[in-house]
Amino acid sequence: MKFLLGALFTVFVAIVSVFAVVTSGVVNVGADQEHSPMMFSFLETARNRSIENASKDIVVPDLEKVELISSGGADYKDMCAGCHLSPGVAQTDFSESLYPKPPNFTKADIVKRYQTEDGAKQSFWAIKHGIMASGMPAWGASHDDGRMWAMVAFIRSLPELDESQYTMLTTRIDGDMMDMSFDGDMNMSDGGDMGMNMSDDGSGMQH
């Protein structure tokens, strides 16, 4: 009985102590202050195990399709490159300022974990649901699964790309750009016709 009471008292004191520390305001939550090695390991383990468990039943599509890889490029550039970098870009304001630092997806040793089926599941889950208190958004709120799988496929291929290949695969060609190009061609054609008409009119006047 005494042992049980002692154990309960110890637990009570521990809870009160943690509460006192948390509410005192002495815990530094600034992003420029690193966690202690023990706390970092605890949080990283909790994050990894959580994502592994939550993503285990996800069905992975064929991520080797060229059209899937290429279709994820523009979204990666718009939504990911600011933090996770791109070929020829070693750092950005975001990549240097966030804590923990976002993984650099141009590095083959970083991306290789996502080239397995389990890694692809976890990557998709993180893109879709985000990660609390890390700066990683939950893109599933505004993007469908197809677009997010395309980003996973692109990320898996990113370390193999040079700057020119990256630029080619991430350039977004939307309807407005096509319309501008089409209108420009039409205007040039109209201008040519006008020039011909003016020439014809001028010749008539000379005669």
N, C-alpha and C. Protein backbone atom coordinates (compact mmCIF):
# COMPACT_ATOMS: atom_id res chain seq x y z
N MET A 1 0.81 -1.21 0.00
CA MET A 1 0.00 0.00 0.00
C MET A 1 0.86 1.27 0.00
N LYS A 2 1.89 1.24 0.87
CA LYS A 2 2.79 2.39 0.91
C LYS A 2 3.49 2.61 -0.43
N PHE A 3 3.87 1.50 -1.07
CA PHE A 3 4.54 1.60 -2.38
C PHE A 3 3.62 2.25 -3.40
N LEU A 4 2.36 1.85 -3.40
CA LEU A 4 1.39 2.41 -4.35
C LEU A 4 1.18 3.89 -4.10
N LEU A 5 1.05 4.26 -2.83
CA LEU A 5 0.89 5.67 -2.50
C LEU A 5 2.12 6.47 -2.90
N GLY A 6 3.30 5.89 -2.70
CA GLY A 6 4.53 6.57 -3.09
C GLY A 6 4.63 6.78 -4.58
N ALA A 7 4.22 5.75 -5.34
CA ALA A 7 4.24 5.85 -6.79
C ALA A 7 3.27 6.91 -7.28
N LEU A 8 2.06 6.93 -6.72
CA LEU A 8 1.07 7.94 -7.10
C LEU A 8 1.55 9.35 -6.76
N PHE A 9 2.19 9.49 -5.60
CA PHE A 9 2.70 10.80 -5.21
C PHE A 9 3.79 11.26 -6.17
N THR A 10 4.66 10.32 -6.58
CA THR A 10 5.74 10.66 -7.52
C THR A 10 5.17 11.12 -8.85
N VAL A 11 4.15 10.41 -9.33
CA VAL A 11 3.51 10.79 -10.59
C VAL A 11 2.87 12.17 -10.46
N PHE A 12 2.21 12.41 -9.32
CA PHE A 12 1.56 13.70 -9.08
C PHE A 12 2.57 14.84 -9.09
N VAL A 13 3.70 14.62 -8.42
CA VAL A 13 4.75 15.65 -8.37
C VAL A 13 5.31 15.91 -9.76
N ALA A 14 5.50 14.84 -10.54
CA ALA A 14 6.03 15.00 -11.89
C ALA A 14 5.08 15.81 -12.76
N ILE A 15 3.78 15.52 -12.67
CA ILE A 15 2.79 16.26 -13.46
C ILE A 15 2.75 17.72 -13.06
N VAL A 16 2.76 17.99 -11.77
CA VAL A 16 2.75 19.37 -11.28
C VAL A 16 4.01 20.11 -11.72
N SER A 17 5.14 19.43 -11.69
CA SER A 17 6.41 20.06 -12.08
C SER A 17 6.39 20.44 -13.56
N VAL A 18 5.92 19.51 -14.41
CA VAL A 18 5.83 19.80 -15.85
C VAL A 18 4.87 20.96 -16.09
N PHE A 19 3.74 20.94 -15.42
CA PHE A 19 2.76 22.02 -15.57
C PHE A 19 3.37 23.36 -15.16
N ALA A 20 4.11 23.36 -14.07
CA ALA A 20 4.72 24.60 -13.57
C ALA A 20 5.74 25.15 -14.57
N VAL A 21 6.54 24.27 -15.16
CA VAL A 21 7.54 24.70 -16.13
C VAL A 21 6.86 25.27 -17.37
N VAL A 22 5.84 24.57 -17.87
CA VAL A 22 5.15 24.99 -19.09
C VAL A 22 4.47 26.34 -18.90
N THR A 23 3.80 26.52 -17.78
CA THR A 23 3.05 27.76 -17.55
C THR A 23 3.94 28.92 -17.10
N SER A 24 5.18 28.63 -16.74
CA SER A 24 6.06 29.71 -16.27
C SER A 24 6.56 30.60 -17.39
N GLY A 25 6.54 30.08 -18.62
CA GLY A 25 7.03 30.87 -19.75
C GLY A 25 8.52 30.77 -19.97
N VAL A 26 9.22 29.91 -19.25
CA VAL A 26 10.67 29.81 -19.40
C VAL A 26 11.07 28.96 -20.60
N VAL A 27 10.11 28.21 -21.16
CA VAL A 27 10.43 27.38 -22.33
C VAL A 27 10.54 28.28 -23.56
N ASN A 28 11.68 28.24 -24.22
CA ASN A 28 11.92 29.06 -25.41
C ASN A 28 11.32 28.36 -26.63
N VAL A 29 10.34 29.01 -27.27
CA VAL A 29 9.69 28.40 -28.45
C VAL A 29 10.15 29.07 -29.74
N GLY A 30 11.19 29.91 -29.67
CA GLY A 30 11.69 30.57 -30.87
C GLY A 30 12.26 29.58 -31.87
N ALA A 31 12.03 29.85 -33.18
CA ALA A 31 12.51 28.95 -34.23
C ALA A 31 14.01 29.06 -34.43
N ASP A 32 14.65 30.03 -33.78
CA ASP A 32 16.11 30.15 -33.87
C ASP A 32 16.80 29.49 -32.69
N GLN A 33 16.04 28.76 -31.90
CA GLN A 33 16.58 28.04 -30.75
C GLN A 33 16.39 26.54 -30.96
N GLU A 34 17.47 25.79 -31.08
CA GLU A 34 17.36 24.36 -31.33
C GLU A 34 16.91 23.61 -30.08
N HIS A 35 16.21 22.49 -30.30
CA HIS A 35 15.86 21.61 -29.19
C HIS A 35 17.12 20.95 -28.63
N SER A 36 17.04 20.49 -27.42
CA SER A 36 18.11 19.66 -26.88
C SER A 36 18.13 18.36 -27.67
N PRO A 37 19.27 17.68 -27.74
CA PRO A 37 19.34 16.41 -28.48
C PRO A 37 18.28 15.41 -28.05
N MET A 38 18.00 15.33 -26.75
CA MET A 38 17.00 14.38 -26.26
C MET A 38 15.61 14.76 -26.75
N MET A 39 15.26 16.05 -26.65
CA MET A 39 13.94 16.49 -27.09
C MET A 39 13.79 16.35 -28.61
N PHE A 40 14.85 16.68 -29.35
CA PHE A 40 14.81 16.54 -30.81
C PHE A 40 14.57 15.09 -31.20
N SER A 41 15.27 14.18 -30.56
CA SER A 41 15.11 12.75 -30.85
C SER A 41 13.70 12.28 -30.50
N PHE A 42 13.17 12.76 -29.38
CA PHE A 42 11.82 12.39 -28.96
C PHE A 42 10.79 12.86 -29.99
N LEU A 43 10.88 14.13 -30.42
CA LEU A 43 9.92 14.67 -31.37
C LEU A 43 10.04 14.03 -32.74
N GLU A 44 11.29 13.79 -33.17
CA GLU A 44 11.50 13.17 -34.48
C GLU A 44 10.95 11.75 -34.51
N THR A 45 11.17 11.01 -33.43
CA THR A 45 10.65 9.64 -33.35
C THR A 45 9.12 9.65 -33.35
N ALA A 46 8.53 10.56 -32.58
CA ALA A 46 7.07 10.66 -32.53
C ALA A 46 6.51 11.00 -33.91
N ARG A 47 7.15 11.93 -34.61
CA ARG A 47 6.69 12.32 -35.95
C ARG A 47 6.79 11.16 -36.92
N ASN A 48 7.95 10.50 -36.95
CA ASN A 48 8.15 9.41 -37.90
C ASN A 48 7.20 8.24 -37.66
N ARG A 49 7.03 7.88 -36.41
CA ARG A 49 6.14 6.76 -36.09
C ARG A 49 4.69 7.12 -36.41
N SER A 50 4.32 8.34 -36.18
CA SER A 50 2.96 8.78 -36.46
C SER A 50 2.66 8.70 -37.96
N ILE A 51 3.59 9.20 -38.78
CA ILE A 51 3.39 9.19 -40.23
C ILE A 51 3.40 7.76 -40.76
N GLU A 52 4.31 6.94 -40.25
CA GLU A 52 4.35 5.54 -40.67
C GLU A 52 3.02 4.84 -40.41
N ASN A 53 2.47 5.07 -39.22
CA ASN A 53 1.22 4.42 -38.86
C ASN A 53 0.05 4.95 -39.67
N ALA A 54 -0.01 6.27 -39.86
CA ALA A 54 -1.13 6.89 -40.56
C ALA A 54 -1.14 6.58 -42.06
N SER A 55 0.04 6.30 -42.63
CA SER A 55 0.14 6.12 -44.08
C SER A 55 0.19 4.66 -44.53
N LYS A 56 0.13 3.73 -43.59
CA LYS A 56 0.40 2.34 -43.92
C LYS A 56 -0.59 1.73 -44.91
N ASP A 57 -1.83 2.22 -44.96
CA ASP A 57 -2.84 1.63 -45.83
C ASP A 57 -3.04 2.38 -47.14
N ILE A 58 -2.21 3.38 -47.40
CA ILE A 58 -2.32 4.14 -48.64
C ILE A 58 -1.88 3.29 -49.82
N VAL A 59 -2.62 3.37 -50.91
CA VAL A 59 -2.29 2.63 -52.13
C VAL A 59 -1.48 3.53 -53.05
N VAL A 60 -0.29 3.09 -53.42
CA VAL A 60 0.62 3.89 -54.23
C VAL A 60 0.39 3.62 -55.72
N PRO A 61 0.16 4.67 -56.52
CA PRO A 61 0.02 4.48 -57.97
C PRO A 61 1.39 4.26 -58.63
N ASP A 62 1.41 4.09 -59.93
CA ASP A 62 2.66 3.95 -60.67
C ASP A 62 3.35 5.31 -60.75
N LEU A 63 4.40 5.48 -59.97
CA LEU A 63 5.09 6.78 -59.90
C LEU A 63 6.20 6.92 -60.93
N GLU A 64 6.35 5.91 -61.79
CA GLU A 64 7.39 5.96 -62.82
C GLU A 64 6.88 6.51 -64.14
N LYS A 65 5.57 6.79 -64.23
CA LYS A 65 5.02 7.32 -65.47
C LYS A 65 5.59 8.70 -65.76
N VAL A 66 6.09 8.87 -66.98
CA VAL A 66 6.72 10.14 -67.34
C VAL A 66 5.75 11.30 -67.22
N GLU A 67 4.50 11.09 -67.65
CA GLU A 67 3.53 12.18 -67.61
C GLU A 67 3.19 12.58 -66.17
N LEU A 68 3.24 11.63 -65.24
CA LEU A 68 2.98 11.94 -63.84
C LEU A 68 4.13 12.76 -63.25
N ILE A 69 5.34 12.34 -63.56
CA ILE A 69 6.52 13.06 -63.07
C ILE A 69 6.53 14.50 -63.59
N SER A 70 6.31 14.65 -64.88
CA SER A 70 6.38 15.98 -65.48
C SER A 70 5.23 16.88 -65.01
N SER A 71 4.06 16.30 -64.74
CA SER A 71 2.93 17.12 -64.32
C SER A 71 3.09 17.64 -62.90
N GLY A 72 4.00 17.05 -62.12
CA GLY A 72 4.21 17.52 -60.75
C GLY A 72 5.22 18.64 -60.64
N GLY A 73 5.91 18.94 -61.72
CA GLY A 73 6.99 19.92 -61.66
C GLY A 73 6.54 21.32 -61.33
N ALA A 74 5.50 21.79 -62.00
CA ALA A 74 5.06 23.18 -61.78
C ALA A 74 4.56 23.39 -60.36
N ASP A 75 3.80 22.41 -59.83
CA ASP A 75 3.33 22.53 -58.45
C ASP A 75 4.50 22.50 -57.47
N TYR A 76 5.50 21.67 -57.75
CA TYR A 76 6.67 21.64 -56.86
C TYR A 76 7.34 23.02 -56.84
N LYS A 77 7.51 23.62 -58.00
CA LYS A 77 8.17 24.93 -58.07
C LYS A 77 7.37 25.97 -57.29
N ASP A 78 6.05 25.96 -57.45
CA ASP A 78 5.21 26.96 -56.80
C ASP A 78 5.07 26.74 -55.30
N MET A 79 4.99 25.48 -54.88
CA MET A 79 4.60 25.16 -53.51
C MET A 79 5.72 24.63 -52.63
N CYS A 80 6.77 24.06 -53.21
CA CYS A 80 7.76 23.34 -52.42
C CYS A 80 9.18 23.90 -52.51
N ALA A 81 9.54 24.43 -53.68
CA ALA A 81 10.94 24.79 -53.92
C ALA A 81 11.45 25.87 -52.98
N GLY A 82 10.56 26.74 -52.51
CA GLY A 82 10.99 27.79 -51.59
C GLY A 82 11.61 27.26 -50.31
N CYS A 83 11.16 26.08 -49.88
CA CYS A 83 11.69 25.46 -48.66
C CYS A 83 12.64 24.29 -48.96
N HIS A 84 12.25 23.47 -49.96
CA HIS A 84 12.98 22.23 -50.23
C HIS A 84 14.00 22.35 -51.37
N LEU A 85 14.13 23.56 -51.94
CA LEU A 85 15.18 23.93 -52.88
C LEU A 85 15.02 23.28 -54.27
N SER A 86 15.91 23.67 -55.15
CA SER A 86 15.87 23.22 -56.54
C SER A 86 17.30 23.19 -57.07
N PRO A 87 17.54 22.53 -58.21
CA PRO A 87 18.91 22.46 -58.76
C PRO A 87 19.52 23.85 -58.95
N GLY A 88 20.72 24.03 -58.44
CA GLY A 88 21.41 25.31 -58.56
C GLY A 88 21.09 26.30 -57.46
N VAL A 89 20.14 25.98 -56.60
CA VAL A 89 19.76 26.87 -55.49
C VAL A 89 20.12 26.18 -54.18
N ALA A 90 21.13 26.70 -53.50
CA ALA A 90 21.63 26.05 -52.29
C ALA A 90 20.86 26.44 -51.04
N GLN A 91 20.20 27.60 -51.06
CA GLN A 91 19.45 28.03 -49.90
C GLN A 91 18.48 29.14 -50.28
N THR A 92 17.45 29.31 -49.47
CA THR A 92 16.50 30.40 -49.63
C THR A 92 16.24 30.97 -48.24
N ASP A 93 15.51 32.06 -48.18
CA ASP A 93 15.16 32.63 -46.87
C ASP A 93 14.39 31.62 -46.04
N PHE A 94 13.46 30.90 -46.67
CA PHE A 94 12.67 29.92 -45.95
C PHE A 94 13.53 28.75 -45.45
N SER A 95 14.36 28.22 -46.35
CA SER A 95 15.14 27.03 -45.97
C SER A 95 16.11 27.32 -44.84
N GLU A 96 16.57 28.58 -44.74
CA GLU A 96 17.50 28.94 -43.69
C GLU A 96 16.82 29.36 -42.39
N SER A 97 15.55 29.76 -42.48
CA SER A 97 14.89 30.35 -41.32
C SER A 97 13.98 29.39 -40.57
N LEU A 98 13.50 28.33 -41.23
CA LEU A 98 12.60 27.40 -40.56
C LEU A 98 13.36 26.45 -39.63
N TYR A 99 12.69 26.04 -38.56
CA TYR A 99 13.24 25.02 -37.67
C TYR A 99 12.13 24.07 -37.27
N PRO A 100 12.34 22.77 -37.47
CA PRO A 100 13.54 22.16 -38.05
C PRO A 100 13.68 22.49 -39.53
N LYS A 101 14.91 22.45 -40.02
CA LYS A 101 15.16 22.82 -41.41
C LYS A 101 14.49 21.82 -42.35
N PRO A 102 13.86 22.29 -43.42
CA PRO A 102 13.22 21.39 -44.38
C PRO A 102 14.27 20.55 -45.10
N PRO A 103 13.97 19.29 -45.42
CA PRO A 103 14.92 18.47 -46.16
C PRO A 103 15.17 19.01 -47.55
N ASN A 104 16.40 18.90 -48.01
CA ASN A 104 16.80 19.37 -49.34
C ASN A 104 16.54 18.26 -50.35
N PHE A 105 15.49 18.41 -51.17
CA PHE A 105 15.09 17.35 -52.08
C PHE A 105 15.93 17.27 -53.35
N THR A 106 16.95 18.10 -53.45
CA THR A 106 17.87 17.95 -54.59
C THR A 106 18.98 16.94 -54.25
N LYS A 107 19.02 16.49 -53.01
CA LYS A 107 20.06 15.56 -52.56
C LYS A 107 19.56 14.12 -52.65
N ALA A 108 20.32 13.30 -53.36
CA ALA A 108 19.91 11.90 -53.58
C ALA A 108 19.81 11.13 -52.28
N ASP A 109 20.70 11.41 -51.32
CA ASP A 109 20.68 10.66 -50.06
C ASP A 109 19.47 11.00 -49.21
N ILE A 110 18.87 12.18 -49.43
CA ILE A 110 17.65 12.56 -48.73
C ILE A 110 16.43 11.92 -49.38
N VAL A 111 16.39 11.95 -50.71
CA VAL A 111 15.21 11.51 -51.46
C VAL A 111 15.12 10.00 -51.55
N LYS A 112 16.21 9.28 -51.35
CA LYS A 112 16.17 7.83 -51.54
C LYS A 112 15.16 7.14 -50.62
N ARG A 113 14.87 7.74 -49.47
CA ARG A 113 13.88 7.14 -48.55
C ARG A 113 12.48 7.19 -49.15
N TYR A 114 12.24 8.15 -50.07
CA TYR A 114 10.92 8.25 -50.69
C TYR A 114 10.80 7.39 -51.95
N GLN A 115 11.88 6.74 -52.33
CA GLN A 115 11.85 5.91 -53.53
C GLN A 115 11.42 4.47 -53.25
N THR A 116 11.14 4.17 -51.99
CA THR A 116 10.55 2.90 -51.62
C THR A 116 9.04 3.09 -51.55
N GLU A 117 8.30 1.98 -51.53
CA GLU A 117 6.84 2.10 -51.47
C GLU A 117 6.39 2.75 -50.16
N ASP A 118 6.98 2.32 -49.05
CA ASP A 118 6.61 2.92 -47.76
C ASP A 118 6.99 4.40 -47.73
N GLY A 119 8.15 4.72 -48.29
CA GLY A 119 8.57 6.11 -48.33
C GLY A 119 7.64 6.97 -49.16
N ALA A 120 7.15 6.42 -50.28
CA ALA A 120 6.21 7.16 -51.12
C ALA A 120 4.90 7.40 -50.37
N LYS A 121 4.44 6.40 -49.63
CA LYS A 121 3.22 6.56 -48.82
C LYS A 121 3.40 7.70 -47.81
N GLN A 122 4.54 7.69 -47.14
CA GLN A 122 4.79 8.69 -46.10
C GLN A 122 4.94 10.09 -46.69
N SER A 123 5.58 10.18 -47.84
CA SER A 123 5.73 11.46 -48.51
C SER A 123 4.37 12.01 -48.91
N PHE A 124 3.52 11.16 -49.49
CA PHE A 124 2.18 11.59 -49.89
C PHE A 124 1.39 12.05 -48.68
N TRP A 125 1.46 11.29 -47.58
CA TRP A 125 0.71 11.65 -46.38
C TRP A 125 1.15 13.01 -45.85
N ALA A 126 2.46 13.24 -45.83
CA ALA A 126 2.97 14.51 -45.31
C ALA A 126 2.55 15.68 -46.19
N ILE A 127 2.56 15.48 -47.51
CA ILE A 127 2.12 16.54 -48.42
C ILE A 127 0.64 16.83 -48.23
N LYS A 128 -0.14 15.78 -48.08
CA LYS A 128 -1.60 15.94 -47.97
C LYS A 128 -2.02 16.52 -46.63
N HIS A 129 -1.45 16.05 -45.54
CA HIS A 129 -1.91 16.43 -44.20
C HIS A 129 -1.03 17.44 -43.50
N GLY A 130 0.19 17.67 -44.00
CA GLY A 130 1.09 18.60 -43.34
C GLY A 130 1.64 18.03 -42.04
N ILE A 131 2.48 18.82 -41.37
CA ILE A 131 3.07 18.40 -40.10
C ILE A 131 2.96 19.56 -39.11
N MET A 132 2.38 19.29 -37.97
CA MET A 132 2.17 20.34 -36.97
C MET A 132 3.46 21.03 -36.56
N ALA A 133 3.37 22.35 -36.39
CA ALA A 133 4.45 23.15 -35.82
C ALA A 133 5.78 22.96 -36.54
N SER A 134 5.72 22.74 -37.85
CA SER A 134 6.95 22.56 -38.61
C SER A 134 7.05 23.49 -39.81
N GLY A 135 5.95 24.17 -40.14
CA GLY A 135 5.92 24.99 -41.34
C GLY A 135 5.46 24.23 -42.57
N MET A 136 5.20 22.91 -42.44
CA MET A 136 4.75 22.10 -43.56
C MET A 136 3.24 22.19 -43.69
N PRO A 137 2.72 22.80 -44.80
CA PRO A 137 1.27 22.96 -44.95
C PRO A 137 0.58 21.64 -45.29
N ALA A 138 -0.74 21.62 -45.08
CA ALA A 138 -1.57 20.48 -45.48
C ALA A 138 -2.17 20.80 -46.84
N TRP A 139 -1.47 20.38 -47.92
CA TRP A 139 -1.90 20.74 -49.26
C TRP A 139 -3.17 20.02 -49.68
N GLY A 140 -3.59 19.01 -48.92
CA GLY A 140 -4.82 18.31 -49.24
C GLY A 140 -6.05 19.20 -49.11
N ALA A 141 -5.92 20.33 -48.44
CA ALA A 141 -7.04 21.25 -48.29
C ALA A 141 -7.38 21.94 -49.61
N SER A 142 -6.43 21.98 -50.53
CA SER A 142 -6.66 22.72 -51.78
C SER A 142 -6.28 21.94 -53.03
N HIS A 143 -5.74 20.72 -52.89
CA HIS A 143 -5.29 19.95 -54.04
C HIS A 143 -5.84 18.53 -53.97
N ASP A 144 -6.16 17.97 -55.14
CA ASP A 144 -6.66 16.59 -55.15
C ASP A 144 -5.49 15.61 -55.08
N ASP A 145 -5.83 14.34 -54.86
CA ASP A 145 -4.80 13.32 -54.67
C ASP A 145 -3.90 13.18 -55.90
N GLY A 146 -4.48 13.33 -57.09
CA GLY A 146 -3.68 13.18 -58.31
C GLY A 146 -2.55 14.17 -58.39
N ARG A 147 -2.81 15.43 -58.04
CA ARG A 147 -1.77 16.45 -58.07
C ARG A 147 -0.69 16.19 -57.02
N MET A 148 -1.11 15.69 -55.86
CA MET A 148 -0.13 15.42 -54.81
C MET A 148 0.73 14.19 -55.13
N TRP A 149 0.14 13.17 -55.76
CA TRP A 149 0.96 12.04 -56.20
C TRP A 149 1.95 12.48 -57.27
N ALA A 150 1.54 13.41 -58.12
CA ALA A 150 2.46 13.93 -59.14
C ALA A 150 3.65 14.63 -58.50
N MET A 151 3.42 15.33 -57.40
CA MET A 151 4.53 15.96 -56.69
C MET A 151 5.46 14.93 -56.07
N VAL A 152 4.88 13.86 -55.53
CA VAL A 152 5.71 12.78 -54.99
C VAL A 152 6.59 12.20 -56.09
N ALA A 153 5.98 11.94 -57.26
CA ALA A 153 6.73 11.38 -58.38
C ALA A 153 7.86 12.32 -58.81
N PHE A 154 7.56 13.62 -58.85
CA PHE A 154 8.58 14.60 -59.25
C PHE A 154 9.71 14.66 -58.24
N ILE A 155 9.37 14.67 -56.95
CA ILE A 155 10.39 14.74 -55.90
C ILE A 155 11.34 13.55 -55.99
N ARG A 156 10.80 12.37 -56.28
CA ARG A 156 11.64 11.17 -56.39
C ARG A 156 12.65 11.28 -57.53
N SER A 157 12.34 12.08 -58.54
CA SER A 157 13.22 12.23 -59.70
C SER A 157 14.09 13.49 -59.63
N LEU A 158 13.78 14.37 -58.68
CA LEU A 158 14.45 15.68 -58.63
C LEU A 158 15.97 15.62 -58.55
N PRO A 159 16.58 14.73 -57.74
CA PRO A 159 18.05 14.73 -57.67
C PRO A 159 18.74 14.43 -58.99
N GLU A 160 18.04 13.85 -59.95
CA GLU A 160 18.64 13.50 -61.23
C GLU A 160 18.61 14.65 -62.23
N LEU A 161 17.93 15.75 -61.89
CA LEU A 161 17.73 16.85 -62.83
C LEU A 161 18.81 17.91 -62.69
N ASP A 162 19.23 18.49 -63.82
CA ASP A 162 20.10 19.66 -63.77
C ASP A 162 19.20 20.90 -63.88
N GLU A 163 19.81 22.08 -63.89
CA GLU A 163 19.02 23.31 -63.86
C GLU A 163 18.13 23.47 -65.08
N SER A 164 18.65 23.16 -66.27
CA SER A 164 17.86 23.34 -67.48
C SER A 164 16.70 22.35 -67.54
N GLN A 165 16.94 21.12 -67.13
CA GLN A 165 15.87 20.13 -67.10
C GLN A 165 14.80 20.53 -66.09
N TYR A 166 15.24 21.03 -64.94
CA TYR A 166 14.29 21.47 -63.92
C TYR A 166 13.42 22.61 -64.45
N THR A 167 14.06 23.59 -65.11
CA THR A 167 13.31 24.72 -65.67
C THR A 167 12.28 24.25 -66.69
N MET A 168 12.67 23.33 -67.52
CA MET A 168 11.77 22.82 -68.55
C MET A 168 10.57 22.11 -67.93
N LEU A 169 10.81 21.32 -66.89
CA LEU A 169 9.73 20.52 -66.30
C LEU A 169 8.85 21.30 -65.33
N THR A 170 9.31 22.48 -64.91
CA THR A 170 8.53 23.23 -63.92
C THR A 170 7.88 24.48 -64.50
N THR A 171 8.06 24.74 -65.77
CA THR A 171 7.43 25.90 -66.39
C THR A 171 5.95 25.61 -66.59
N ARG A 172 5.12 26.45 -66.02
CA ARG A 172 3.68 26.26 -66.10
C ARG A 172 3.14 26.95 -67.34
N ILE A 173 2.56 26.20 -68.25
CA ILE A 173 1.93 26.74 -69.45
C ILE A 173 0.43 26.63 -69.25
N ASP A 174 -0.21 27.75 -68.89
CA ASP A 174 -1.65 27.72 -68.64
C ASP A 174 -2.43 28.31 -69.80
N GLY A 175 -3.73 28.35 -69.65
CA GLY A 175 -4.59 28.83 -70.72
C GLY A 175 -4.32 30.28 -71.07
N ASP A 176 -4.02 31.13 -70.06
CA ASP A 176 -3.77 32.54 -70.33
C ASP A 176 -2.55 32.73 -71.20
N MET A 177 -1.49 31.95 -70.93
CA MET A 177 -0.27 32.05 -71.74
C MET A 177 -0.54 31.61 -73.17
N MET A 178 -1.32 30.54 -73.32
CA MET A 178 -1.66 30.07 -74.66
C MET A 178 -2.48 31.11 -75.41
N ASP A 179 -3.42 31.76 -74.69
CA ASP A 179 -4.25 32.78 -75.32
C ASP A 179 -3.42 33.97 -75.75
N MET A 180 -2.44 34.37 -74.90
CA MET A 180 -1.57 35.49 -75.26
C MET A 180 -0.77 35.17 -76.50
N SER A 181 -0.24 33.93 -76.54
CA SER A 181 0.54 33.52 -77.70
C SER A 181 -0.32 33.51 -78.96
N PHE A 182 -1.55 33.00 -78.83
CA PHE A 182 -2.45 32.92 -79.97
C PHE A 182 -2.83 34.31 -80.46
N ASP A 183 -3.14 35.20 -79.49
CA ASP A 183 -3.51 36.57 -79.86
C ASP A 183 -2.36 37.29 -80.52
N GLY A 184 -1.14 37.04 -80.01
CA GLY A 184 0.02 37.68 -80.62
C GLY A 184 0.22 37.25 -82.06
N ASP A 185 0.04 35.96 -82.31
CA ASP A 185 0.18 35.45 -83.68
C ASP A 185 -0.87 36.06 -84.59
N MET A 186 -2.10 36.19 -84.07
CA MET A 186 -3.17 36.75 -84.87
C MET A 186 -2.90 38.21 -85.20
N ASN A 187 -2.40 38.96 -84.18
CA ASN A 187 -2.12 40.38 -84.41
C ASN A 187 -1.03 40.56 -85.45
N MET A 188 0.00 39.71 -85.39
CA MET A 188 1.06 39.80 -86.38
C MET A 188 0.52 39.51 -87.77
N SER A 189 -0.38 38.53 -87.84
CA SER A 189 -0.98 38.18 -89.12
C SER A 189 -1.83 39.32 -89.64
N ASP A 190 -2.62 39.94 -88.76
CA ASP A 190 -3.46 41.06 -89.16
C ASP A 190 -2.61 42.23 -89.62
N GLY A 191 -1.50 42.45 -88.89
CA GLY A 191 -0.62 43.55 -89.25
C GLY A 191 -0.04 43.35 -90.63
N GLY A 192 0.30 42.09 -90.95
CA GLY A 192 0.83 41.80 -92.27
C GLY A 192 -0.19 42.07 -93.34
N ASP A 193 -1.44 41.71 -93.10
CA ASP A 193 -2.48 41.95 -94.07
C ASP A 193 -2.70 43.43 -94.27
N MET A 194 -2.62 44.19 -93.16
CA MET A 194 -2.81 45.63 -93.26
C MET A 194 -1.72 46.26 -94.10
N GLY A 195 -0.50 45.73 -93.90
CA GLY A 195 0.61 46.25 -94.68
C GLY A 195 0.40 46.01 -96.16
N MET A 196 -0.08 44.85 -96.49
CA MET A 196 -0.33 44.52 -97.88
C MET A 196 -1.44 45.40 -98.44
N ASN A 197 -2.49 45.65 -97.63
CA ASN A 197 -3.59 46.47 -98.10
C ASN A 197 -3.14 47.89 -98.33
N MET A 198 -2.27 48.39 -97.42
CA MET A 198 -1.77 49.75 -97.57
C MET A 198 -0.94 49.86 -98.84
N SER A 199 -0.16 48.80 -99.10
CA SER A 199 0.66 48.82 -100.30
C SER A 199 -0.22 48.82 -101.55
N ASP A 200 -1.30 48.02 -101.48
CA ASP A 200 -2.20 47.97 -102.61
C ASP A 200 -2.87 49.31 -102.82
N ASP A 201 -3.29 49.96 -101.69
CA ASP A 201 -3.93 51.25 -101.81
C ASP A 201 -2.97 52.29 -102.37
N GLY A 202 -1.71 52.18 -101.90
CA GLY A 202 -0.74 53.15 -102.38
C GLY A 202 -0.50 53.00 -103.87
N SER A 203 -0.43 51.77 -104.30
CA SER A 203 -0.21 51.55 -105.73
C SER A 203 -1.36 52.10 -106.52
N GLY A 204 -2.58 51.95 -106.01
CA GLY A 204 -3.75 52.44 -106.74
C GLY A 204 -3.72 53.93 -106.84
N MET A 205 -3.26 54.59 -105.72
CA MET A 205 -3.20 56.04 -105.75
C MET A 205 -2.17 56.52 -106.74
N GLN A 206 -1.03 55.82 -106.83
CA GLN A 206 -0.01 56.25 -107.79
C GLN A 206 -0.51 56.16 -109.20
N HIS A 207 -1.33 55.11 -109.46
CA HIS A 207 -1.87 55.01 -110.81
C HIS A 207 -2.97 56.02 -110.99
